[in-house]
Amino acid sequence: MEHEHSVAAIQERLSAGPQHNYLRDWIYGGIDGSVTTFAVVTGVVGAHLSPAIIVIMGLANLMGDGFSMAASNFLGTKSEHDDVVRLEAIERRHIELAPDGEREEVRQIFAGKGFTGADLERVVELITSDPDRWVRTMLTEEYGLPLEPRSPWMAATTTFSAFALCGLVPLVPFLLGLSNAFTISVILTGGVWRVLEDSMVPAEPAMVPETAG
């Protein structure tokens, strides 16, 4: 099992809040870093320039393009926060000006989930009795927004770290002055892509042992 289901374990896990996953930012930065740096390496090798030029241009690419991607991811993720704030203000205004219509939206949302009769009316009553809970429900159910958007700083840092680390790999043979550096660079870059591809495949779930009975 991926985690425990005892009362204490569940309480501890839920009280800690949602744990955001930044794997997509890592893969995004890693693939782009390795591809763009390898493209620089290939172009400079094809131009028959010295290994020093390869290293200089490769490092410049790591800094410049890596910062660009990190900044873009930061602003993109921050826009998700801004969108939540904007839509929250809209929903609060709608609840204030047209509470019956907003209450009907809640009713239809949960009717679509299979609630009927007294159970449906009870759910609607519970949700609409608290304005904050009402707004959170509309944000998640009507707009499909997360209650806790991901951190822009973590997204940017993860992207830049992956870009720099994976993008450095094609340069390693030239930094070390190895013979057949380009061939080794091709192999290492292919290895990076394979590792990143494998990280996108979810692990097989653990099997629950059968109990005799």
N, C-alpha and C. Protein backbone atom coordinates (compact mmCIF):
# COMPACT_ATOMS: atom_id res chain seq x y z
N MET A 1 0.83 -1.19 0.00
CA MET A 1 0.00 0.00 0.00
C MET A 1 0.88 1.26 0.00
N GLU A 2 0.41 2.32 -0.70
CA GLU A 2 1.20 3.53 -0.79
C GLU A 2 1.25 4.30 0.53
N HIS A 3 0.20 4.22 1.37
CA HIS A 3 0.21 4.85 2.67
C HIS A 3 -0.74 4.12 3.62
N GLU A 4 -0.57 4.41 4.90
CA GLU A 4 -1.38 3.73 5.91
C GLU A 4 -2.80 4.29 5.96
N HIS A 5 -3.72 3.45 6.48
CA HIS A 5 -5.11 3.88 6.58
C HIS A 5 -5.64 3.78 8.00
N SER A 6 -4.74 3.85 8.97
CA SER A 6 -5.20 3.91 10.35
C SER A 6 -5.77 5.30 10.61
N VAL A 7 -6.56 5.44 11.67
CA VAL A 7 -7.19 6.72 11.99
C VAL A 7 -6.13 7.80 12.20
N ALA A 8 -5.07 7.48 12.97
CA ALA A 8 -4.02 8.45 13.25
C ALA A 8 -3.26 8.84 11.98
N ALA A 9 -2.97 7.86 11.12
CA ALA A 9 -2.22 8.14 9.89
C ALA A 9 -3.04 9.01 8.94
N ILE A 10 -4.32 8.72 8.84
CA ILE A 10 -5.19 9.51 7.97
C ILE A 10 -5.28 10.95 8.48
N GLN A 11 -5.46 11.10 9.80
CA GLN A 11 -5.56 12.44 10.38
C GLN A 11 -4.28 13.23 10.15
N GLU A 12 -3.14 12.60 10.33
CA GLU A 12 -1.86 13.28 10.12
C GLU A 12 -1.68 13.69 8.67
N ARG A 13 -2.03 12.78 7.76
CA ARG A 13 -1.85 13.05 6.33
C ARG A 13 -2.76 14.19 5.86
N LEU A 14 -4.02 14.17 6.29
CA LEU A 14 -4.96 15.20 5.85
C LEU A 14 -4.67 16.55 6.49
N SER A 15 -4.21 16.54 7.73
CA SER A 15 -3.91 17.81 8.40
C SER A 15 -2.71 18.50 7.78
N ALA A 16 -1.84 17.74 7.12
CA ALA A 16 -0.66 18.32 6.47
C ALA A 16 -1.02 19.05 5.19
N GLY A 17 -2.24 18.82 4.69
CA GLY A 17 -2.67 19.49 3.47
C GLY A 17 -2.19 18.75 2.23
N PRO A 18 -2.63 19.20 1.05
CA PRO A 18 -2.25 18.52 -0.19
C PRO A 18 -0.76 18.68 -0.49
N GLN A 19 -0.15 17.62 -0.98
CA GLN A 19 1.26 17.64 -1.35
C GLN A 19 1.36 17.80 -2.86
N HIS A 20 1.87 18.93 -3.29
CA HIS A 20 1.95 19.19 -4.73
C HIS A 20 3.10 18.41 -5.35
N ASN A 21 2.91 18.03 -6.59
CA ASN A 21 3.90 17.27 -7.34
C ASN A 21 4.50 18.17 -8.42
N TYR A 22 5.82 18.29 -8.43
CA TYR A 22 6.50 19.14 -9.40
C TYR A 22 7.26 18.31 -10.43
N LEU A 23 6.83 17.06 -10.61
CA LEU A 23 7.50 16.18 -11.56
C LEU A 23 7.41 16.72 -12.97
N ARG A 24 6.26 17.25 -13.34
CA ARG A 24 6.12 17.76 -14.71
C ARG A 24 7.07 18.91 -14.98
N ASP A 25 7.33 19.75 -13.96
CA ASP A 25 8.28 20.85 -14.11
C ASP A 25 9.70 20.32 -14.29
N TRP A 26 10.00 19.25 -13.55
CA TRP A 26 11.33 18.62 -13.67
C TRP A 26 11.53 18.03 -15.06
N ILE A 27 10.54 17.28 -15.54
CA ILE A 27 10.65 16.67 -16.87
C ILE A 27 10.70 17.75 -17.95
N TYR A 28 9.86 18.76 -17.80
CA TYR A 28 9.81 19.87 -18.75
C TYR A 28 11.17 20.54 -18.86
N GLY A 29 11.77 20.87 -17.71
CA GLY A 29 13.07 21.52 -17.72
C GLY A 29 14.18 20.59 -18.18
N GLY A 30 14.12 19.32 -17.74
CA GLY A 30 15.17 18.37 -18.08
C GLY A 30 15.25 18.07 -19.56
N ILE A 31 14.11 17.84 -20.19
CA ILE A 31 14.11 17.54 -21.62
C ILE A 31 14.59 18.74 -22.42
N ASP A 32 14.06 19.91 -22.08
CA ASP A 32 14.46 21.11 -22.83
C ASP A 32 15.94 21.42 -22.64
N GLY A 33 16.42 21.25 -21.40
CA GLY A 33 17.83 21.52 -21.15
C GLY A 33 18.76 20.61 -21.93
N SER A 34 18.47 19.32 -21.92
CA SER A 34 19.33 18.38 -22.63
C SER A 34 19.24 18.56 -24.14
N VAL A 35 18.03 18.84 -24.65
CA VAL A 35 17.86 18.98 -26.10
C VAL A 35 18.55 20.24 -26.62
N THR A 36 18.31 21.38 -25.95
CA THR A 36 18.89 22.62 -26.45
C THR A 36 20.41 22.63 -26.32
N THR A 37 20.94 22.09 -25.22
CA THR A 37 22.40 22.05 -25.07
C THR A 37 23.01 21.10 -26.08
N PHE A 38 22.36 19.96 -26.31
CA PHE A 38 22.88 19.02 -27.30
C PHE A 38 22.84 19.63 -28.70
N ALA A 39 21.82 20.45 -28.97
CA ALA A 39 21.75 21.13 -30.27
C ALA A 39 22.92 22.10 -30.43
N VAL A 40 23.26 22.79 -29.35
CA VAL A 40 24.42 23.69 -29.39
C VAL A 40 25.69 22.88 -29.66
N VAL A 41 25.84 21.78 -28.93
CA VAL A 41 27.02 20.92 -29.11
C VAL A 41 27.11 20.44 -30.55
N THR A 42 26.01 19.98 -31.09
CA THR A 42 26.00 19.46 -32.46
C THR A 42 26.38 20.54 -33.47
N GLY A 43 25.81 21.74 -33.28
CA GLY A 43 26.10 22.82 -34.21
C GLY A 43 27.56 23.24 -34.17
N VAL A 44 28.13 23.34 -32.98
CA VAL A 44 29.52 23.77 -32.86
C VAL A 44 30.47 22.69 -33.37
N VAL A 45 30.16 21.43 -33.07
CA VAL A 45 30.98 20.33 -33.59
C VAL A 45 30.93 20.31 -35.11
N GLY A 46 29.71 20.52 -35.65
CA GLY A 46 29.56 20.54 -37.11
C GLY A 46 30.33 21.67 -37.76
N ALA A 47 30.52 22.75 -37.03
CA ALA A 47 31.28 23.89 -37.55
C ALA A 47 32.78 23.71 -37.36
N HIS A 48 33.17 22.57 -36.74
CA HIS A 48 34.58 22.24 -36.51
C HIS A 48 35.28 23.30 -35.64
N LEU A 49 34.58 23.78 -34.62
CA LEU A 49 35.18 24.72 -33.69
C LEU A 49 35.80 23.95 -32.52
N SER A 50 36.55 24.65 -31.71
CA SER A 50 37.30 23.99 -30.64
C SER A 50 36.37 23.58 -29.50
N PRO A 51 36.78 22.59 -28.70
CA PRO A 51 35.99 22.18 -27.54
C PRO A 51 35.73 23.33 -26.57
N ALA A 52 36.65 24.27 -26.48
CA ALA A 52 36.45 25.41 -25.57
C ALA A 52 35.23 26.22 -26.00
N ILE A 53 35.05 26.40 -27.29
CA ILE A 53 33.88 27.12 -27.80
C ILE A 53 32.60 26.36 -27.47
N ILE A 54 32.66 25.02 -27.59
CA ILE A 54 31.51 24.19 -27.26
C ILE A 54 31.10 24.40 -25.81
N VAL A 55 32.07 24.40 -24.92
CA VAL A 55 31.79 24.57 -23.49
C VAL A 55 31.23 25.96 -23.21
N ILE A 56 31.85 26.98 -23.79
CA ILE A 56 31.40 28.35 -23.54
C ILE A 56 29.97 28.55 -24.03
N MET A 57 29.67 28.12 -25.24
CA MET A 57 28.33 28.30 -25.80
C MET A 57 27.31 27.44 -25.05
N GLY A 58 27.76 26.25 -24.65
CA GLY A 58 26.84 25.37 -23.91
C GLY A 58 26.48 25.95 -22.55
N LEU A 59 27.46 26.48 -21.83
CA LEU A 59 27.20 27.08 -20.52
C LEU A 59 26.36 28.35 -20.66
N ALA A 60 26.61 29.11 -21.71
CA ALA A 60 25.79 30.30 -21.94
C ALA A 60 24.34 29.90 -22.19
N ASN A 61 24.14 28.81 -22.92
CA ASN A 61 22.78 28.32 -23.16
C ASN A 61 22.12 27.87 -21.86
N LEU A 62 22.90 27.20 -21.01
CA LEU A 62 22.35 26.74 -19.73
C LEU A 62 21.85 27.90 -18.89
N MET A 63 22.62 28.97 -18.82
CA MET A 63 22.24 30.11 -17.99
C MET A 63 21.09 30.90 -18.62
N GLY A 64 21.23 31.24 -19.88
CA GLY A 64 20.24 32.09 -20.54
C GLY A 64 18.90 31.40 -20.74
N ASP A 65 18.93 30.25 -21.39
CA ASP A 65 17.68 29.54 -21.68
C ASP A 65 17.07 28.98 -20.40
N GLY A 66 17.93 28.54 -19.47
CA GLY A 66 17.41 28.02 -18.21
C GLY A 66 16.67 29.09 -17.43
N PHE A 67 17.24 30.29 -17.36
CA PHE A 67 16.56 31.39 -16.67
C PHE A 67 15.26 31.75 -17.37
N SER A 68 15.29 31.76 -18.70
CA SER A 68 14.08 32.08 -19.46
C SER A 68 12.95 31.10 -19.16
N MET A 69 13.28 29.81 -19.14
CA MET A 69 12.25 28.80 -18.87
C MET A 69 11.74 28.90 -17.44
N ALA A 70 12.64 29.14 -16.50
CA ALA A 70 12.23 29.26 -15.10
C ALA A 70 11.32 30.47 -14.91
N ALA A 71 11.69 31.60 -15.52
CA ALA A 71 10.86 32.80 -15.41
C ALA A 71 9.50 32.59 -16.04
N SER A 72 9.48 31.92 -17.19
CA SER A 72 8.20 31.65 -17.86
C SER A 72 7.31 30.75 -17.01
N ASN A 73 7.90 29.73 -16.41
CA ASN A 73 7.12 28.81 -15.58
C ASN A 73 6.63 29.52 -14.32
N PHE A 74 7.47 30.40 -13.77
CA PHE A 74 7.06 31.18 -12.59
C PHE A 74 5.84 32.03 -12.91
N LEU A 75 5.90 32.76 -14.00
CA LEU A 75 4.79 33.64 -14.36
C LEU A 75 3.54 32.85 -14.73
N GLY A 76 3.74 31.72 -15.41
CA GLY A 76 2.60 30.89 -15.77
C GLY A 76 1.90 30.31 -14.56
N THR A 77 2.70 29.84 -13.59
CA THR A 77 2.12 29.27 -12.37
C THR A 77 1.49 30.37 -11.52
N LYS A 78 2.12 31.54 -11.48
CA LYS A 78 1.56 32.66 -10.73
C LYS A 78 0.21 33.07 -11.30
N SER A 79 0.06 32.96 -12.61
CA SER A 79 -1.22 33.33 -13.22
C SER A 79 -2.35 32.42 -12.73
N GLU A 80 -2.01 31.18 -12.34
CA GLU A 80 -3.02 30.29 -11.78
C GLU A 80 -3.51 30.84 -10.44
N HIS A 81 -2.59 31.37 -9.63
CA HIS A 81 -2.98 31.99 -8.36
C HIS A 81 -3.88 33.20 -8.63
N ASP A 82 -3.48 34.03 -9.59
CA ASP A 82 -4.26 35.23 -9.91
C ASP A 82 -5.66 34.85 -10.39
N ASP A 83 -5.75 33.75 -11.14
CA ASP A 83 -7.05 33.31 -11.64
C ASP A 83 -7.95 32.86 -10.50
N VAL A 84 -7.37 32.17 -9.52
CA VAL A 84 -8.16 31.75 -8.36
C VAL A 84 -8.71 32.96 -7.62
N VAL A 85 -7.87 33.98 -7.41
CA VAL A 85 -8.30 35.19 -6.71
C VAL A 85 -9.40 35.89 -7.49
N ARG A 86 -9.25 35.98 -8.81
CA ARG A 86 -10.25 36.65 -9.64
C ARG A 86 -11.60 35.93 -9.59
N LEU A 87 -11.57 34.61 -9.76
CA LEU A 87 -12.82 33.85 -9.77
C LEU A 87 -13.46 33.79 -8.38
N GLU A 88 -12.63 33.80 -7.35
CA GLU A 88 -13.18 33.82 -5.99
C GLU A 88 -13.97 35.10 -5.76
N ALA A 89 -13.43 36.23 -6.23
CA ALA A 89 -14.15 37.50 -6.09
C ALA A 89 -15.46 37.48 -6.87
N ILE A 90 -15.44 36.87 -8.05
CA ILE A 90 -16.67 36.77 -8.86
C ILE A 90 -17.72 35.94 -8.14
N GLU A 91 -17.30 34.79 -7.60
CA GLU A 91 -18.26 33.92 -6.92
C GLU A 91 -18.84 34.57 -5.67
N ARG A 92 -18.02 35.27 -4.94
CA ARG A 92 -18.53 35.96 -3.74
C ARG A 92 -19.56 37.02 -4.13
N ARG A 93 -19.31 37.72 -5.23
CA ARG A 93 -20.27 38.72 -5.68
C ARG A 93 -21.57 38.07 -6.15
N HIS A 94 -21.46 36.94 -6.84
CA HIS A 94 -22.65 36.23 -7.30
C HIS A 94 -23.49 35.72 -6.12
N ILE A 95 -22.80 35.20 -5.10
CA ILE A 95 -23.52 34.70 -3.92
C ILE A 95 -24.26 35.83 -3.22
N GLU A 96 -23.65 37.00 -3.22
CA GLU A 96 -24.27 38.15 -2.56
C GLU A 96 -25.46 38.69 -3.36
N LEU A 97 -25.32 38.71 -4.70
CA LEU A 97 -26.35 39.33 -5.53
C LEU A 97 -27.42 38.35 -6.00
N ALA A 98 -27.05 37.10 -6.20
CA ALA A 98 -28.01 36.10 -6.71
C ALA A 98 -27.84 34.79 -5.96
N PRO A 99 -28.14 34.78 -4.64
CA PRO A 99 -27.91 33.56 -3.85
C PRO A 99 -28.77 32.38 -4.30
N ASP A 100 -29.98 32.64 -4.73
CA ASP A 100 -30.85 31.54 -5.17
C ASP A 100 -30.29 30.85 -6.41
N GLY A 101 -29.79 31.66 -7.33
CA GLY A 101 -29.20 31.07 -8.54
C GLY A 101 -27.95 30.28 -8.22
N GLU A 102 -27.11 30.79 -7.32
CA GLU A 102 -25.89 30.08 -6.94
C GLU A 102 -26.24 28.81 -6.16
N ARG A 103 -27.28 28.88 -5.37
CA ARG A 103 -27.71 27.69 -4.62
C ARG A 103 -28.21 26.61 -5.60
N GLU A 104 -28.89 27.04 -6.66
CA GLU A 104 -29.36 26.08 -7.66
C GLU A 104 -28.17 25.45 -8.39
N GLU A 105 -27.11 26.21 -8.60
CA GLU A 105 -25.92 25.64 -9.23
C GLU A 105 -25.36 24.52 -8.37
N VAL A 106 -25.29 24.75 -7.06
CA VAL A 106 -24.80 23.72 -6.14
C VAL A 106 -25.71 22.50 -6.22
N ARG A 107 -27.03 22.74 -6.26
CA ARG A 107 -27.97 21.62 -6.31
C ARG A 107 -27.77 20.78 -7.57
N GLN A 108 -27.59 21.45 -8.71
CA GLN A 108 -27.42 20.70 -9.96
C GLN A 108 -26.07 19.98 -10.01
N ILE A 109 -25.05 20.60 -9.42
CA ILE A 109 -23.73 19.95 -9.40
C ILE A 109 -23.80 18.62 -8.66
N PHE A 110 -24.43 18.63 -7.48
CA PHE A 110 -24.46 17.41 -6.68
C PHE A 110 -25.55 16.45 -7.14
N ALA A 111 -26.55 16.96 -7.83
CA ALA A 111 -27.50 16.05 -8.47
C ALA A 111 -26.80 15.26 -9.56
N GLY A 112 -25.86 15.91 -10.24
CA GLY A 112 -25.08 15.21 -11.25
C GLY A 112 -24.16 14.17 -10.67
N LYS A 113 -23.87 14.26 -9.38
CA LYS A 113 -23.04 13.27 -8.70
C LYS A 113 -23.87 12.11 -8.14
N GLY A 114 -25.19 12.18 -8.31
CA GLY A 114 -26.05 11.07 -7.87
C GLY A 114 -26.85 11.34 -6.62
N PHE A 115 -26.75 12.53 -6.03
CA PHE A 115 -27.53 12.85 -4.84
C PHE A 115 -28.96 13.19 -5.26
N THR A 116 -29.93 12.71 -4.49
CA THR A 116 -31.34 12.98 -4.78
C THR A 116 -32.10 13.22 -3.48
N GLY A 117 -33.29 13.79 -3.64
CA GLY A 117 -34.20 13.92 -2.51
C GLY A 117 -33.64 14.66 -1.32
N ALA A 118 -33.93 14.11 -0.14
CA ALA A 118 -33.51 14.75 1.12
C ALA A 118 -32.00 14.83 1.24
N ASP A 119 -31.29 13.82 0.72
CA ASP A 119 -29.83 13.84 0.78
C ASP A 119 -29.28 15.02 -0.03
N LEU A 120 -29.85 15.25 -1.19
CA LEU A 120 -29.41 16.35 -2.04
C LEU A 120 -29.65 17.69 -1.34
N GLU A 121 -30.85 17.86 -0.79
CA GLU A 121 -31.17 19.12 -0.13
C GLU A 121 -30.28 19.34 1.10
N ARG A 122 -29.94 18.27 1.79
CA ARG A 122 -29.07 18.38 2.96
C ARG A 122 -27.66 18.82 2.56
N VAL A 123 -27.15 18.25 1.47
CA VAL A 123 -25.83 18.63 0.97
C VAL A 123 -25.82 20.11 0.59
N VAL A 124 -26.86 20.54 -0.13
CA VAL A 124 -26.96 21.94 -0.55
C VAL A 124 -27.00 22.85 0.68
N GLU A 125 -27.77 22.46 1.69
CA GLU A 125 -27.88 23.25 2.91
C GLU A 125 -26.54 23.36 3.63
N LEU A 126 -25.83 22.24 3.73
CA LEU A 126 -24.54 22.25 4.43
C LEU A 126 -23.52 23.12 3.71
N ILE A 127 -23.47 23.03 2.40
CA ILE A 127 -22.47 23.78 1.63
C ILE A 127 -22.78 25.27 1.65
N THR A 128 -24.04 25.63 1.44
CA THR A 128 -24.39 27.04 1.33
C THR A 128 -24.54 27.73 2.69
N SER A 129 -24.44 26.99 3.78
CA SER A 129 -24.55 27.61 5.10
C SER A 129 -23.27 28.33 5.50
N ASP A 130 -22.18 28.06 4.79
CA ASP A 130 -20.91 28.71 5.08
C ASP A 130 -20.38 29.35 3.79
N PRO A 131 -20.27 30.69 3.73
CA PRO A 131 -19.85 31.36 2.50
C PRO A 131 -18.50 30.88 1.96
N ASP A 132 -17.53 30.66 2.86
CA ASP A 132 -16.21 30.22 2.41
C ASP A 132 -16.29 28.83 1.78
N ARG A 133 -17.03 27.92 2.45
CA ARG A 133 -17.19 26.57 1.90
C ARG A 133 -17.94 26.62 0.58
N TRP A 134 -18.91 27.51 0.50
CA TRP A 134 -19.70 27.68 -0.72
C TRP A 134 -18.80 28.12 -1.87
N VAL A 135 -17.98 29.11 -1.62
CA VAL A 135 -17.07 29.61 -2.67
C VAL A 135 -16.07 28.54 -3.07
N ARG A 136 -15.47 27.84 -2.12
CA ARG A 136 -14.50 26.79 -2.44
C ARG A 136 -15.13 25.69 -3.29
N THR A 137 -16.37 25.37 -2.96
CA THR A 137 -17.08 24.34 -3.73
C THR A 137 -17.27 24.78 -5.17
N MET A 138 -17.65 26.03 -5.37
CA MET A 138 -17.87 26.51 -6.73
C MET A 138 -16.56 26.58 -7.52
N LEU A 139 -15.49 26.97 -6.83
CA LEU A 139 -14.19 27.05 -7.52
C LEU A 139 -13.74 25.69 -8.02
N THR A 140 -13.92 24.67 -7.19
CA THR A 140 -13.46 23.33 -7.58
C THR A 140 -14.44 22.64 -8.52
N GLU A 141 -15.73 22.77 -8.26
CA GLU A 141 -16.72 22.01 -9.03
C GLU A 141 -17.12 22.70 -10.33
N GLU A 142 -17.22 24.03 -10.30
CA GLU A 142 -17.64 24.75 -11.51
C GLU A 142 -16.48 25.08 -12.42
N TYR A 143 -15.35 25.48 -11.83
CA TYR A 143 -14.21 25.92 -12.63
C TYR A 143 -13.09 24.89 -12.69
N GLY A 144 -13.15 23.86 -11.86
CA GLY A 144 -12.11 22.84 -11.87
C GLY A 144 -10.77 23.33 -11.35
N LEU A 145 -10.79 24.31 -10.45
CA LEU A 145 -9.54 24.87 -9.93
C LEU A 145 -9.10 24.13 -8.67
N PRO A 146 -7.80 24.02 -8.46
CA PRO A 146 -7.31 23.43 -7.20
C PRO A 146 -7.51 24.41 -6.05
N LEU A 147 -7.77 23.88 -4.87
CA LEU A 147 -7.90 24.75 -3.70
C LEU A 147 -6.57 25.36 -3.30
N GLU A 148 -5.50 24.62 -3.54
CA GLU A 148 -4.15 25.09 -3.20
C GLU A 148 -3.28 25.04 -4.44
N PRO A 149 -3.20 26.13 -5.21
CA PRO A 149 -2.36 26.13 -6.41
C PRO A 149 -0.90 25.87 -6.06
N ARG A 150 -0.16 25.38 -7.03
CA ARG A 150 1.25 25.07 -6.82
C ARG A 150 2.06 26.35 -6.61
N SER A 151 3.19 26.22 -5.93
CA SER A 151 4.04 27.36 -5.65
C SER A 151 4.79 27.80 -6.92
N PRO A 152 4.67 29.06 -7.31
CA PRO A 152 5.42 29.53 -8.48
C PRO A 152 6.93 29.42 -8.28
N TRP A 153 7.40 29.66 -7.04
CA TRP A 153 8.83 29.59 -6.78
C TRP A 153 9.34 28.16 -6.90
N MET A 154 8.57 27.21 -6.37
CA MET A 154 8.98 25.81 -6.49
C MET A 154 8.96 25.35 -7.93
N ALA A 155 7.95 25.76 -8.69
CA ALA A 155 7.86 25.39 -10.11
C ALA A 155 9.06 25.94 -10.88
N ALA A 156 9.39 27.20 -10.62
CA ALA A 156 10.52 27.82 -11.33
C ALA A 156 11.84 27.19 -10.93
N THR A 157 12.02 26.97 -9.63
CA THR A 157 13.28 26.37 -9.14
C THR A 157 13.47 24.96 -9.68
N THR A 158 12.39 24.18 -9.69
CA THR A 158 12.47 22.82 -10.21
C THR A 158 12.82 22.80 -11.68
N THR A 159 12.19 23.69 -12.44
CA THR A 159 12.46 23.76 -13.87
C THR A 159 13.91 24.13 -14.14
N PHE A 160 14.39 25.16 -13.45
CA PHE A 160 15.78 25.61 -13.68
C PHE A 160 16.78 24.54 -13.25
N SER A 161 16.53 23.89 -12.11
CA SER A 161 17.45 22.86 -11.63
C SER A 161 17.55 21.72 -12.63
N ALA A 162 16.40 21.27 -13.12
CA ALA A 162 16.40 20.17 -14.09
C ALA A 162 17.08 20.58 -15.39
N PHE A 163 16.79 21.81 -15.82
CA PHE A 163 17.40 22.31 -17.06
C PHE A 163 18.92 22.34 -16.93
N ALA A 164 19.42 22.89 -15.81
CA ALA A 164 20.86 23.01 -15.63
C ALA A 164 21.53 21.64 -15.48
N LEU A 165 20.91 20.75 -14.69
CA LEU A 165 21.52 19.45 -14.44
C LEU A 165 21.52 18.59 -15.70
N CYS A 166 20.36 18.45 -16.34
CA CYS A 166 20.28 17.61 -17.54
C CYS A 166 20.97 18.27 -18.72
N GLY A 167 20.94 19.59 -18.77
CA GLY A 167 21.61 20.29 -19.87
C GLY A 167 23.11 20.24 -19.77
N LEU A 168 23.63 20.02 -18.57
CA LEU A 168 25.08 19.92 -18.40
C LEU A 168 25.64 18.61 -18.94
N VAL A 169 24.80 17.59 -18.98
CA VAL A 169 25.26 16.24 -19.37
C VAL A 169 25.93 16.22 -20.74
N PRO A 170 25.35 16.82 -21.80
CA PRO A 170 26.03 16.78 -23.11
C PRO A 170 27.39 17.47 -23.12
N LEU A 171 27.63 18.35 -22.13
CA LEU A 171 28.90 19.08 -22.09
C LEU A 171 29.99 18.35 -21.32
N VAL A 172 29.61 17.37 -20.51
CA VAL A 172 30.57 16.71 -19.62
C VAL A 172 31.78 16.15 -20.37
N PRO A 173 31.61 15.43 -21.48
CA PRO A 173 32.80 14.89 -22.17
C PRO A 173 33.75 15.97 -22.63
N PHE A 174 33.22 17.15 -23.00
CA PHE A 174 34.08 18.25 -23.46
C PHE A 174 34.74 18.95 -22.28
N LEU A 175 34.03 19.03 -21.16
CA LEU A 175 34.62 19.60 -19.95
C LEU A 175 35.79 18.75 -19.45
N LEU A 176 35.65 17.42 -19.61
CA LEU A 176 36.70 16.50 -19.16
C LEU A 176 37.79 16.29 -20.20
N GLY A 177 37.59 16.85 -21.40
CA GLY A 177 38.60 16.71 -22.45
C GLY A 177 38.75 15.29 -22.95
N LEU A 178 37.69 14.51 -22.97
CA LEU A 178 37.75 13.12 -23.39
C LEU A 178 37.90 13.00 -24.90
N SER A 179 38.55 11.93 -25.32
CA SER A 179 38.57 11.63 -26.75
C SER A 179 37.21 11.08 -27.16
N ASN A 180 36.85 11.26 -28.42
CA ASN A 180 35.52 10.87 -28.89
C ASN A 180 34.43 11.52 -28.03
N ALA A 181 34.67 12.78 -27.68
CA ALA A 181 33.75 13.48 -26.78
C ALA A 181 32.34 13.57 -27.37
N PHE A 182 32.24 13.79 -28.68
CA PHE A 182 30.91 13.94 -29.28
C PHE A 182 30.12 12.64 -29.19
N THR A 183 30.78 11.53 -29.48
CA THR A 183 30.10 10.23 -29.39
C THR A 183 29.61 9.96 -27.97
N ILE A 184 30.46 10.24 -27.01
CA ILE A 184 30.07 10.05 -25.60
C ILE A 184 28.93 10.98 -25.24
N SER A 185 28.96 12.20 -25.77
CA SER A 185 27.88 13.16 -25.51
C SER A 185 26.55 12.64 -26.04
N VAL A 186 26.59 12.04 -27.22
CA VAL A 186 25.36 11.46 -27.79
C VAL A 186 24.81 10.37 -26.87
N ILE A 187 25.67 9.51 -26.39
CA ILE A 187 25.25 8.39 -25.54
C ILE A 187 24.69 8.92 -24.22
N LEU A 188 25.39 9.87 -23.62
CA LEU A 188 24.94 10.41 -22.34
C LEU A 188 23.60 11.14 -22.48
N THR A 189 23.45 11.89 -23.56
CA THR A 189 22.19 12.61 -23.78
C THR A 189 21.04 11.63 -23.97
N GLY A 190 21.31 10.56 -24.72
CA GLY A 190 20.29 9.53 -24.88
C GLY A 190 19.91 8.89 -23.54
N GLY A 191 20.91 8.72 -22.67
CA GLY A 191 20.64 8.17 -21.34
C GLY A 191 19.76 9.09 -20.51
N VAL A 192 20.00 10.41 -20.62
CA VAL A 192 19.16 11.38 -19.90
C VAL A 192 17.72 11.29 -20.37
N TRP A 193 17.52 11.22 -21.69
CA TRP A 193 16.16 11.13 -22.22
C TRP A 193 15.47 9.86 -21.74
N ARG A 194 16.24 8.76 -21.65
CA ARG A 194 15.65 7.50 -21.20
C ARG A 194 15.23 7.60 -19.73
N VAL A 195 16.07 8.22 -18.91
CA VAL A 195 15.73 8.38 -17.50
C VAL A 195 14.50 9.25 -17.34
N LEU A 196 14.42 10.35 -18.09
CA LEU A 196 13.26 11.23 -18.01
C LEU A 196 12.00 10.53 -18.50
N GLU A 197 12.14 9.73 -19.53
CA GLU A 197 10.98 8.98 -20.03
C GLU A 197 10.50 7.98 -19.00
N ASP A 198 11.43 7.29 -18.34
CA ASP A 198 11.06 6.31 -17.32
C ASP A 198 10.38 6.97 -16.13
N SER A 199 10.77 8.21 -15.82
CA SER A 199 10.17 8.90 -14.68
C SER A 199 8.72 9.28 -14.94
N MET A 200 8.31 9.27 -16.20
CA MET A 200 6.92 9.59 -16.53
C MET A 200 6.01 8.38 -16.40
N VAL A 201 6.58 7.19 -16.31
CA VAL A 201 5.78 5.96 -16.21
C VAL A 201 5.51 5.67 -14.74
N PRO A 202 4.24 5.61 -14.34
CA PRO A 202 3.94 5.34 -12.92
C PRO A 202 4.41 3.96 -12.51
N ALA A 203 4.84 3.86 -11.28
CA ALA A 203 5.29 2.57 -10.75
C ALA A 203 4.11 1.63 -10.59
N GLU A 204 4.39 0.34 -10.71
CA GLU A 204 3.35 -0.64 -10.52
C GLU A 204 2.86 -0.61 -9.08
N PRO A 205 1.54 -0.60 -8.86
CA PRO A 205 1.05 -0.57 -7.49
C PRO A 205 1.42 -1.83 -6.74
N ALA A 206 1.69 -1.66 -5.46
CA ALA A 206 2.05 -2.81 -4.64
C ALA A 206 0.85 -3.76 -4.50
N MET A 207 1.14 -5.01 -4.58
CA MET A 207 0.07 -6.00 -4.46
C MET A 207 -0.30 -6.20 -3.00
N VAL A 208 -1.58 -6.23 -2.73
CA VAL A 208 -2.06 -6.48 -1.38
C VAL A 208 -2.15 -7.98 -1.16
N PRO A 209 -1.45 -8.52 -0.19
CA PRO A 209 -1.48 -9.98 0.00
C PRO A 209 -2.88 -10.45 0.34
N GLU A 210 -3.25 -11.59 -0.25
CA GLU A 210 -4.55 -12.15 0.04
C GLU A 210 -4.56 -12.77 1.43
N THR A 211 -5.67 -12.66 2.08
CA THR A 211 -5.82 -13.27 3.41
C THR A 211 -6.57 -14.57 3.27
N ALA A 212 -6.14 -15.51 4.05
CA ALA A 212 -6.81 -16.81 3.99
C ALA A 212 -8.18 -16.70 4.64
N GLY A 213 -9.16 -17.35 4.07
CA GLY A 213 -10.49 -17.28 4.65
C GLY A 213 -11.47 -18.09 3.85
